Amino acid sequence: MKENLFGKGFKQIILSFFFMFLGPTLMFQSLKNEEHPWFSIVFTISIIICFTAIYYGFKGLKNIMKAIFKKKDS
């Protein structure tokens, strides 16, 4: 098992969890204040953060799977 690839994947999963909580929290706050002039900006940023969480989640899982199941170079 490649330790550096596993660690990199684990860090990406942790970053994904951070974005998983930040994105919906921002979205909820923006939807509570729809009449505010910055509504569309904050809502767009929250959508981008949610997609970033999905991206880092898949990328982290890919790195972890690669670290576990990749064959050793002889």
PDB file of N, CA and C in Angstrom:
ATOM      1  N   MET A   1       0.851  -1.182   0.000  1.00  0.00           N
ATOM      2  CA  MET A   1       0.000   0.000   0.000  1.00  0.00           C
ATOM      3  C   MET A   1       0.889   1.236   0.000  1.00  0.00           C
ATOM      4  N   LYS A   2       0.579   2.166  -0.863  1.00  0.00           N
ATOM      5  CA  LYS A   2       1.350   3.396  -0.927  1.00  0.00           C
ATOM      6  C   LYS A   2       0.857   4.362   0.151  1.00  0.00           C
ATOM      7  N   GLU A   3       1.741   4.667   1.088  1.00  0.00           N
ATOM      8  CA  GLU A   3       1.348   5.515   2.223  1.00  0.00           C
ATOM      9  C   GLU A   3       1.079   6.958   1.796  1.00  0.00           C
ATOM     10  N   ASN A   4       1.911   7.485   0.879  1.00  0.00           N
ATOM     11  CA  ASN A   4       1.726   8.887   0.512  1.00  0.00           C
ATOM     12  C   ASN A   4       0.435   9.088  -0.273  1.00  0.00           C
ATOM     13  N   LEU A   5       0.048   8.135  -1.108  1.00  0.00           N
ATOM     14  CA  LEU A   5      -1.200   8.242  -1.861  1.00  0.00           C
ATOM     15  C   LEU A   5      -2.403   8.073  -0.941  1.00  0.00           C
ATOM     16  N   PHE A   6      -2.277   7.174   0.040  1.00  0.00           N
ATOM     17  CA  PHE A   6      -3.351   6.988   1.015  1.00  0.00           C
ATOM     18  C   PHE A   6      -3.545   8.250   1.852  1.00  0.00           C
ATOM     19  N   GLY A   7      -2.449   8.852   2.299  1.00  0.00           N
ATOM     20  CA  GLY A   7      -2.539  10.077   3.085  1.00  0.00           C
ATOM     21  C   GLY A   7      -3.130  11.229   2.302  1.00  0.00           C
ATOM     22  N   LYS A   8      -2.755  11.329   1.039  1.00  0.00           N
ATOM     23  CA  LYS A   8      -3.292  12.377   0.176  1.00  0.00           C
ATOM     24  C   LYS A   8      -4.807  12.202  -0.008  1.00  0.00           C
ATOM     25  N   GLY A   9      -5.231  10.952  -0.211  1.00  0.00           N
ATOM     26  CA  GLY A   9      -6.659  10.681  -0.352  1.00  0.00           C
ATOM     27  C   GLY A   9      -7.426  10.970   0.920  1.00  0.00           C
ATOM     28  N   PHE A  10      -6.824  10.633   2.058  1.00  0.00           N
ATOM     29  CA  PHE A  10      -7.473  10.897   3.340  1.00  0.00           C
ATOM     30  C   PHE A  10      -7.623  12.404   3.581  1.00  0.00           C
ATOM     31  N   LYS A  11      -6.606  13.177   3.223  1.00  0.00           N
ATOM     32  CA  LYS A  11      -6.693  14.636   3.369  1.00  0.00           C
ATOM     33  C   LYS A  11      -7.790  15.209   2.476  1.00  0.00           C
ATOM     34  N   GLN A  12      -7.936  14.652   1.282  1.00  0.00           N
ATOM     35  CA  GLN A  12      -8.976  15.131   0.382  1.00  0.00           C
ATOM     36  C   GLN A  12     -10.363  14.788   0.908  1.00  0.00           C
ATOM     37  N   ILE A  13     -10.498  13.643   1.545  1.00  0.00           N
ATOM     38  CA  ILE A  13     -11.785  13.278   2.142  1.00  0.00           C
ATOM     39  C   ILE A  13     -12.123  14.225   3.298  1.00  0.00           C
ATOM     40  N   ILE A  14     -11.140  14.563   4.117  1.00  0.00           N
ATOM     41  CA  ILE A  14     -11.367  15.505   5.222  1.00  0.00           C
ATOM     42  C   ILE A  14     -11.773  16.869   4.672  1.00  0.00           C
ATOM     43  N   LEU A  15     -11.112  17.320   3.621  1.00  0.00           N
ATOM     44  CA  LEU A  15     -11.461  18.588   2.985  1.00  0.00           C
ATOM     45  C   LEU A  15     -12.875  18.525   2.416  1.00  0.00           C
ATOM     46  N   SER A  16     -13.236  17.380   1.864  1.00  0.00           N
ATOM     47  CA  SER A  16     -14.581  17.197   1.334  1.00  0.00           C
ATOM     48  C   SER A  16     -15.628  17.307   2.438  1.00  0.00           C
ATOM     49  N   PHE A  17     -15.359  16.712   3.611  1.00  0.00           N
ATOM     50  CA  PHE A  17     -16.295  16.823   4.727  1.00  0.00           C
ATOM     51  C   PHE A  17     -16.473  18.278   5.161  1.00  0.00           C
ATOM     52  N   PHE A  18     -15.381  19.040   5.160  1.00  0.00           N
ATOM     53  CA  PHE A  18     -15.482  20.454   5.509  1.00  0.00           C
ATOM     54  C   PHE A  18     -16.408  21.180   4.534  1.00  0.00           C
ATOM     55  N   PHE A  19     -16.209  20.937   3.233  1.00  0.00           N
ATOM     56  CA  PHE A  19     -17.052  21.581   2.230  1.00  0.00           C
ATOM     57  C   PHE A  19     -18.486  21.066   2.273  1.00  0.00           C
ATOM     58  N   MET A  20     -18.685  19.800   2.690  1.00  0.00           N
ATOM     59  CA  MET A  20     -20.031  19.237   2.792  1.00  0.00           C
ATOM     60  C   MET A  20     -20.869  19.949   3.848  1.00  0.00           C
ATOM     61  N   PHE A  21     -20.234  20.462   4.862  1.00  0.00           N
ATOM     62  CA  PHE A  21     -20.969  21.214   5.877  1.00  0.00           C
ATOM     63  C   PHE A  21     -21.053  22.698   5.544  1.00  0.00           C
ATOM     64  N   LEU A  22     -20.013  23.240   4.941  1.00  0.00           N
ATOM     65  CA  LEU A  22     -19.984  24.668   4.630  1.00  0.00           C
ATOM     66  C   LEU A  22     -20.982  25.032   3.537  1.00  0.00           C
ATOM     67  N   GLY A  23     -21.036  24.243   2.464  1.00  0.00           N
ATOM     68  CA  GLY A  23     -21.911  24.551   1.328  1.00  0.00           C
ATOM     69  C   GLY A  23     -23.383  24.624   1.698  1.00  0.00           C
ATOM     70  N   PRO A  24     -23.950  23.563   2.283  1.00  0.00           N
ATOM     71  CA  PRO A  24     -25.370  23.636   2.660  1.00  0.00           C
ATOM     72  C   PRO A  24     -25.678  24.691   3.725  1.00  0.00           C
ATOM     73  N   THR A  25     -24.712  24.960   4.617  1.00  0.00           N
ATOM     74  CA  THR A  25     -24.933  26.005   5.619  1.00  0.00           C
ATOM     75  C   THR A  25     -25.059  27.368   4.951  1.00  0.00           C
ATOM     76  N   LEU A  26     -24.170  27.652   4.012  1.00  0.00           N
ATOM     77  CA  LEU A  26     -24.267  28.910   3.279  1.00  0.00           C
ATOM     78  C   LEU A  26     -25.558  28.978   2.457  1.00  0.00           C
ATOM     79  N   MET A  27     -25.937  27.857   1.858  1.00  0.00           N
ATOM     80  CA  MET A  27     -27.156  27.830   1.057  1.00  0.00           C
ATOM     81  C   MET A  27     -28.379  28.104   1.926  1.00  0.00           C
ATOM     82  N   PHE A  28     -28.426  27.499   3.086  1.00  0.00           N
ATOM     83  CA  PHE A  28     -29.550  27.711   3.998  1.00  0.00           C
ATOM     84  C   PHE A  28     -29.620  29.179   4.428  1.00  0.00           C
ATOM     85  N   GLN A  29     -28.463  29.753   4.749  1.00  0.00           N
ATOM     86  CA  GLN A  29     -28.454  31.157   5.169  1.00  0.00           C
ATOM     87  C   GLN A  29     -28.878  32.089   4.036  1.00  0.00           C
ATOM     88  N   SER A  30     -28.452  31.761   2.816  1.00  0.00           N
ATOM     89  CA  SER A  30     -28.837  32.630   1.698  1.00  0.00           C
ATOM     90  C   SER A  30     -30.327  32.506   1.390  1.00  0.00           C
ATOM     91  N   LEU A  31     -30.883  31.304   1.521  1.00  0.00           N
ATOM     92  CA  LEU A  31     -32.310  31.131   1.244  1.00  0.00           C
ATOM     93  C   LEU A  31     -33.194  31.760   2.315  1.00  0.00           C
ATOM     94  N   LYS A  32     -32.657  31.940   3.522  1.00  0.00           N
ATOM     95  CA  LYS A  32     -33.409  32.642   4.564  1.00  0.00           C
ATOM     96  C   LYS A  32     -33.477  34.138   4.280  1.00  0.00           C
ATOM     97  N   ASN A  33     -32.521  34.651   3.502  1.00  0.00           N
ATOM     98  CA  ASN A  33     -32.450  36.092   3.238  1.00  0.00           C
ATOM     99  C   ASN A  33     -32.559  36.367   1.739  1.00  0.00           C
ATOM    100  N   GLU A  34     -33.651  35.912   1.131  1.00  0.00           N
ATOM    101  CA  GLU A  34     -33.809  36.070  -0.317  1.00  0.00           C
ATOM    102  C   GLU A  34     -33.955  37.518  -0.747  1.00  0.00           C
ATOM    103  N   GLU A  35     -34.387  38.379   0.128  1.00  0.00           N
ATOM    104  CA  GLU A  35     -34.580  39.782  -0.251  1.00  0.00           C
ATOM    105  C   GLU A  35     -33.289  40.602  -0.136  1.00  0.00           C
ATOM    106  N   HIS A  36     -32.257  40.007   0.400  1.00  0.00           N
ATOM    107  CA  HIS A  36     -30.974  40.698   0.553  1.00  0.00           C
ATOM    108  C   HIS A  36     -30.317  40.874  -0.815  1.00  0.00           C
ATOM    109  N   PRO A  37     -29.625  42.003  -1.037  1.00  0.00           N
ATOM    110  CA  PRO A  37     -29.022  42.237  -2.361  1.00  0.00           C
ATOM    111  C   PRO A  37     -27.913  41.251  -2.728  1.00  0.00           C
ATOM    112  N   TRP A  38     -27.285  40.612  -1.766  1.00  0.00           N
ATOM    113  CA  TRP A  38     -26.197  39.681  -2.050  1.00  0.00           C
ATOM    114  C   TRP A  38     -26.674  38.239  -2.130  1.00  0.00           C
ATOM    115  N   PHE A  39     -27.984  38.045  -2.209  1.00  0.00           N
ATOM    116  CA  PHE A  39     -28.534  36.686  -2.224  1.00  0.00           C
ATOM    117  C   PHE A  39     -27.954  35.849  -3.351  1.00  0.00           C
ATOM    118  N   SER A  40     -27.963  36.365  -4.556  1.00  0.00           N
ATOM    119  CA  SER A  40     -27.528  35.560  -5.706  1.00  0.00           C
ATOM    120  C   SER A  40     -26.034  35.235  -5.640  1.00  0.00           C
ATOM    121  N   ILE A  41     -25.232  36.140  -5.102  1.00  0.00           N
ATOM    122  CA  ILE A  41     -23.793  35.904  -4.988  1.00  0.00           C
ATOM    123  C   ILE A  41     -23.517  34.798  -3.973  1.00  0.00           C
ATOM    124  N   VAL A  42     -24.130  34.891  -2.807  1.00  0.00           N
ATOM    125  CA  VAL A  42     -23.908  33.895  -1.750  1.00  0.00           C
ATOM    126  C   VAL A  42     -24.477  32.541  -2.168  1.00  0.00           C
ATOM    127  N   PHE A  43     -25.620  32.542  -2.846  1.00  0.00           N
ATOM    128  CA  PHE A  43     -26.217  31.289  -3.300  1.00  0.00           C
ATOM    129  C   PHE A  43     -25.331  30.617  -4.352  1.00  0.00           C
ATOM    130  N   THR A  44     -24.779  31.398  -5.271  1.00  0.00           N
ATOM    131  CA  THR A  44     -23.882  30.848  -6.290  1.00  0.00           C
ATOM    132  C   THR A  44     -22.614  30.286  -5.660  1.00  0.00           C
ATOM    133  N   ILE A  45     -22.046  30.979  -4.697  1.00  0.00           N
ATOM    134  CA  ILE A  45     -20.846  30.489  -4.005  1.00  0.00           C
ATOM    135  C   ILE A  45     -21.150  29.186  -3.275  1.00  0.00           C
ATOM    136  N   SER A  46     -22.329  29.090  -2.668  1.00  0.00           N
ATOM    137  CA  SER A  46     -22.678  27.858  -1.950  1.00  0.00           C
ATOM    138  C   SER A  46     -22.851  26.686  -2.914  1.00  0.00           C
ATOM    139  N   ILE A  47     -23.394  26.926  -4.099  1.00  0.00           N
ATOM    140  CA  ILE A  47     -23.521  25.863  -5.105  1.00  0.00           C
ATOM    141  C   ILE A  47     -22.138  25.397  -5.546  1.00  0.00           C
ATOM    142  N   ILE A  48     -21.222  26.333  -5.766  1.00  0.00           N
ATOM    143  CA  ILE A  48     -19.855  25.994  -6.166  1.00  0.00           C
ATOM    144  C   ILE A  48     -19.164  25.177  -5.075  1.00  0.00           C
ATOM    145  N   ILE A  49     -19.368  25.560  -3.812  1.00  0.00           N
ATOM    146  CA  ILE A  49     -18.769  24.825  -2.696  1.00  0.00           C
ATOM    147  C   ILE A  49     -19.339  23.410  -2.610  1.00  0.00           C
ATOM    148  N   CYS A  50     -20.632  23.245  -2.875  1.00  0.00           N
ATOM    149  CA  CYS A  50     -21.225  21.901  -2.852  1.00  0.00           C
ATOM    150  C   CYS A  50     -20.630  21.020  -3.946  1.00  0.00           C
ATOM    151  N   PHE A  51     -20.453  21.565  -5.147  1.00  0.00           N
ATOM    152  CA  PHE A  51     -19.833  20.786  -6.223  1.00  0.00           C
ATOM    153  C   PHE A  51     -18.364  20.492  -5.921  1.00  0.00           C
ATOM    154  N   THR A  52     -17.687  21.416  -5.243  1.00  0.00           N
ATOM    155  CA  THR A  52     -16.303  21.182  -4.844  1.00  0.00           C
ATOM    156  C   THR A  52     -16.221  20.041  -3.837  1.00  0.00           C
ATOM    157  N   ALA A  53     -17.186  19.954  -2.939  1.00  0.00           N
ATOM    158  CA  ALA A  53     -17.213  18.855  -1.968  1.00  0.00           C
ATOM    159  C   ALA A  53     -17.374  17.515  -2.678  1.00  0.00           C
ATOM    160  N   ILE A  54     -18.235  17.469  -3.680  1.00  0.00           N
ATOM    161  CA  ILE A  54     -18.425  16.232  -4.433  1.00  0.00           C
ATOM    162  C   ILE A  54     -17.142  15.863  -5.172  1.00  0.00           C
ATOM    163  N   TYR A  55     -16.496  16.850  -5.779  1.00  0.00           N
ATOM    164  CA  TYR A  55     -15.263  16.608  -6.528  1.00  0.00           C
ATOM    165  C   TYR A  55     -14.160  16.050  -5.624  1.00  0.00           C
ATOM    166  N   TYR A  56     -13.933  16.699  -4.491  1.00  0.00           N
ATOM    167  CA  TYR A  56     -12.890  16.224  -3.578  1.00  0.00           C
ATOM    168  C   TYR A  56     -13.236  14.876  -2.956  1.00  0.00           C
ATOM    169  N   GLY A  57     -14.519  14.597  -2.766  1.00  0.00           N
ATOM    170  CA  GLY A  57     -14.915  13.291  -2.251  1.00  0.00           C
ATOM    171  C   GLY A  57     -14.562  12.177  -3.221  1.00  0.00           C
ATOM    172  N   PHE A  58     -14.905  12.360  -4.492  1.00  0.00           N
ATOM    173  CA  PHE A  58     -14.577  11.342  -5.493  1.00  0.00           C
ATOM    174  C   PHE A  58     -13.077  11.223  -5.707  1.00  0.00           C
ATOM    175  N   LYS A  59     -12.396  12.356  -5.724  1.00  0.00           N
ATOM    176  CA  LYS A  59     -10.949  12.330  -5.929  1.00  0.00           C
ATOM    177  C   LYS A  59     -10.246  11.641  -4.755  1.00  0.00           C
ATOM    178  N   GLY A  60     -10.694  11.899  -3.548  1.00  0.00           N
ATOM    179  CA  GLY A  60     -10.109  11.257  -2.369  1.00  0.00           C
ATOM    180  C   GLY A  60     -10.352   9.762  -2.357  1.00  0.00           C
ATOM    181  N   LEU A  61     -11.586   9.342  -2.689  1.00  0.00           N
ATOM    182  CA  LEU A  61     -11.878   7.913  -2.747  1.00  0.00           C
ATOM    183  C   LEU A  61     -11.061   7.220  -3.837  1.00  0.00           C
ATOM    184  N   LYS A  62     -10.886   7.898  -4.950  1.00  0.00           N
ATOM    185  CA  LYS A  62     -10.087   7.331  -6.039  1.00  0.00           C
ATOM    186  C   LYS A  62      -8.644   7.111  -5.591  1.00  0.00           C
ATOM    187  N   ASN A  63      -8.079   8.087  -4.895  1.00  0.00           N
ATOM    188  CA  ASN A  63      -6.701   7.953  -4.419  1.00  0.00           C
ATOM    189  C   ASN A  63      -6.568   6.852  -3.368  1.00  0.00           C
ATOM    190  N   ILE A  64      -7.545   6.746  -2.493  1.00  0.00           N
ATOM    191  CA  ILE A  64      -7.496   5.700  -1.470  1.00  0.00           C
ATOM    192  C   ILE A  64      -7.606   4.321  -2.113  1.00  0.00           C
ATOM    193  N   MET A  65      -8.516   4.168  -3.070  1.00  0.00           N
ATOM    194  CA  MET A  65      -8.657   2.885  -3.759  1.00  0.00           C
ATOM    195  C   MET A  65      -7.400   2.540  -4.556  1.00  0.00           C
ATOM    196  N   LYS A  66      -6.804   3.543  -5.157  1.00  0.00           N
ATOM    197  CA  LYS A  66      -5.576   3.310  -5.903  1.00  0.00           C
ATOM    198  C   LYS A  66      -4.450   2.883  -4.964  1.00  0.00           C
ATOM    199  N   ALA A  67      -4.398   3.477  -3.785  1.00  0.00           N
ATOM    200  CA  ALA A  67      -3.349   3.131  -2.814  1.00  0.00           C
ATOM    201  C   ALA A  67      -3.537   1.715  -2.276  1.00  0.00           C
ATOM    202  N   ILE A  68      -4.775   1.297  -2.100  1.00  0.00           N
ATOM    203  CA  ILE A  68      -5.025  -0.022  -1.534  1.00  0.00           C
ATOM    204  C   ILE A  68      -4.879  -1.135  -2.575  1.00  0.00           C
ATOM    205  N   PHE A  69      -5.449  -0.944  -3.765  1.00  0.00           N
ATOM    206  CA  PHE A  69      -5.544  -2.036  -4.724  1.00  0.00           C
ATOM    207  C   PHE A  69      -4.515  -2.019  -5.847  1.00  0.00           C
ATOM    208  N   LYS A  70      -3.673  -1.017  -5.917  1.00  0.00           N
ATOM    209  CA  LYS A  70      -2.692  -0.967  -6.999  1.00  0.00           C
ATOM    210  C   LYS A  70      -1.615  -2.021  -6.749  1.00  0.00           C
ATOM    211  N   LYS A  71      -1.238  -2.711  -7.822  1.00  0.00           N
ATOM    212  CA  LYS A  71      -0.211  -3.747  -7.710  1.00  0.00           C
ATOM    213  C   LYS A  71       1.154  -3.101  -7.526  1.00  0.00           C
ATOM    214  N   LYS A  72       2.007  -3.782  -6.765  1.00  0.00           N
ATOM    215  CA  LYS A  72       3.358  -3.278  -6.516  1.00  0.00           C
ATOM    216  C   LYS A  72       4.201  -3.435  -7.765  1.00  0.00           C
ATOM    217  N   ASP A  73       5.063  -2.472  -8.020  1.00  0.00           N
ATOM    218  CA  ASP A  73       5.990  -2.571  -9.136  1.00  0.00           C
ATOM    219  C   ASP A  73       7.171  -3.434  -8.708  1.00  0.00           C
ATOM    220  N   SER A  74       7.408  -4.513  -9.428  1.00  0.00           N
ATOM    221  CA  SER A  74       8.477  -5.438  -9.048  1.00  0.00           C
ATOM    222  C   SER A  74       9.803  -5.036  -9.619  1.00  0.00           C
TER     223      SER A  74
END
